Amino acid sequence: LQIFTADLPIIVREYQSNVYSPAAYFVAINAADAVQYLVFPTLYSMIVYALAEYSWTFQQYLKFNLLNIIVAFLASSIGYAAACIFGTLSLATTYVPVIIGP
């Protein structure tokens, strides 16, 4: 959320000067961030799954891990959407908890 709102004026300026499209920026930023959205949820899944002593089948662990990875990508997408909708960090951090809270 913080990085995208800071980059938004640069993205708009470069789009208006036909340097690249917003889709290219979106794909590039998601490709760069994909590693952390895969590694950190997997580490979290391993720790929580072991400490909570869920059923010890590999298939159940994969489902749990996949769900955590999907949640990480979803949280990132909500941040991108909020940055686009509100435009500034102060507005986004004020209204996003109100919208996703209930």
Protein backbone atom coordinates (compact mmCIF):
# COMPACT_ATOMS: atom_id res chain seq x y z
CA LEU A 1 0.00 0.00 0.00
CA GLN A 2 2.74 2.44 0.95
CA ILE A 3 4.95 1.69 -2.03
CA PHE A 4 2.13 1.73 -4.57
CA THR A 5 0.74 5.08 -3.39
CA ALA A 6 4.24 6.54 -3.55
CA ASP A 7 4.77 5.14 -7.07
CA LEU A 8 1.35 6.18 -8.38
CA PRO A 9 2.43 9.63 -9.71
CA ILE A 10 5.41 8.02 -11.46
CA ILE A 11 3.19 5.36 -13.02
CA VAL A 12 0.72 7.96 -14.29
CA ARG A 13 3.50 10.17 -15.68
CA GLU A 14 5.19 7.27 -17.49
CA TYR A 15 1.86 6.02 -18.84
CA GLN A 16 1.02 9.48 -20.20
CA SER A 17 4.41 9.68 -21.92
CA ASN A 18 3.83 6.19 -23.44
CA VAL A 19 6.80 4.56 -21.71
CA TYR A 20 4.81 1.53 -20.58
CA SER A 21 1.27 0.51 -19.76
CA PRO A 22 -0.22 0.04 -16.28
CA ALA A 23 -0.59 -3.67 -17.08
CA ALA A 24 3.17 -3.96 -17.63
CA TYR A 25 3.84 -2.26 -14.30
CA PHE A 26 1.33 -4.50 -12.54
CA VAL A 27 2.84 -7.68 -13.97
CA ALA A 28 6.38 -6.52 -13.16
CA ILE A 29 5.59 -5.58 -9.56
CA ASN A 30 3.70 -8.83 -8.97
CA ALA A 31 6.54 -10.88 -10.46
CA ALA A 32 9.05 -9.11 -8.23
CA ASP A 33 6.90 -9.58 -5.12
CA ALA A 34 5.83 -13.15 -5.89
CA VAL A 35 8.85 -14.60 -4.12
CA GLN A 36 7.93 -13.05 -0.79
CA TYR A 37 4.28 -14.00 -1.25
CA LEU A 38 5.34 -17.61 -1.70
CA VAL A 39 8.21 -17.93 0.81
CA PHE A 40 6.80 -16.14 3.86
CA PRO A 41 3.39 -17.87 3.88
CA THR A 42 5.14 -21.21 3.42
CA LEU A 43 7.39 -20.57 6.42
CA TYR A 44 4.38 -19.43 8.42
CA SER A 45 2.46 -22.54 7.37
CA MET A 46 5.25 -24.87 8.45
CA ILE A 47 5.53 -23.27 11.88
CA VAL A 48 1.80 -23.01 12.59
CA TYR A 49 1.03 -26.46 11.19
CA ALA A 50 3.67 -28.07 13.39
CA LEU A 51 2.77 -26.15 16.55
CA ALA A 52 -0.99 -26.60 16.18
CA GLU A 53 -0.54 -30.34 15.56
CA TYR A 54 -3.03 -30.54 12.72
CA SER A 55 -3.50 -33.87 10.95
CA TRP A 56 -0.13 -34.97 9.73
CA THR A 57 -0.96 -35.77 6.12
CA PHE A 58 0.96 -34.09 3.34
CA GLN A 59 -2.23 -33.37 1.41
CA GLN A 60 -3.75 -31.49 4.36
CA TYR A 61 -0.54 -29.48 4.76
CA LEU A 62 -0.56 -28.54 1.07
CA LYS A 63 -4.16 -27.32 1.35
CA PHE A 64 -3.25 -25.25 4.42
CA ASN A 65 -0.17 -23.84 2.71
CA LEU A 66 -2.06 -23.02 -0.50
CA LEU A 67 -4.72 -21.21 1.49
CA ASN A 68 -2.08 -19.07 3.21
CA ILE A 69 -0.45 -18.22 -0.11
CA ILE A 70 -3.82 -17.23 -1.59
CA VAL A 71 -4.51 -15.00 1.43
CA ALA A 72 -1.12 -13.29 0.96
CA PHE A 73 -1.87 -12.54 -2.70
CA LEU A 74 -5.38 -11.39 -1.78
CA ALA A 75 -4.05 -8.97 0.85
CA SER A 76 -1.64 -7.57 -1.72
CA SER A 77 -4.47 -7.12 -4.22
CA ILE A 78 -6.60 -5.30 -1.66
CA GLY A 79 -3.65 -2.98 -1.03
CA TYR A 80 -3.26 -2.27 -4.75
CA ALA A 81 -6.99 -1.61 -5.12
CA ALA A 82 -7.04 0.71 -2.11
CA ALA A 83 -4.04 2.63 -3.41
CA CYS A 84 -5.75 3.10 -6.79
CA ILE A 85 -9.11 4.06 -5.31
CA PHE A 86 -7.94 6.47 -2.62
CA GLY A 87 -4.72 7.76 -4.20
CA THR A 88 -3.01 8.83 -0.97
CA LEU A 89 -1.63 6.77 1.87
CA SER A 90 -3.48 8.69 4.58
CA LEU A 91 -6.89 8.15 2.99
CA ALA A 92 -6.20 4.50 2.23
CA THR A 93 -5.03 3.67 5.76
CA THR A 94 -8.06 5.47 7.17
CA TYR A 95 -10.77 3.82 5.10
CA VAL A 96 -9.45 0.33 4.27
CA PRO A 97 -9.90 -1.03 7.83
CA VAL A 98 -13.44 0.34 7.86
CA ILE A 99 -14.25 -1.37 4.56
CA ILE A 100 -12.67 -4.78 5.21
CA GLY A 101 -13.39 -4.88 8.94
CA PRO A 102 -17.06 -5.86 8.96
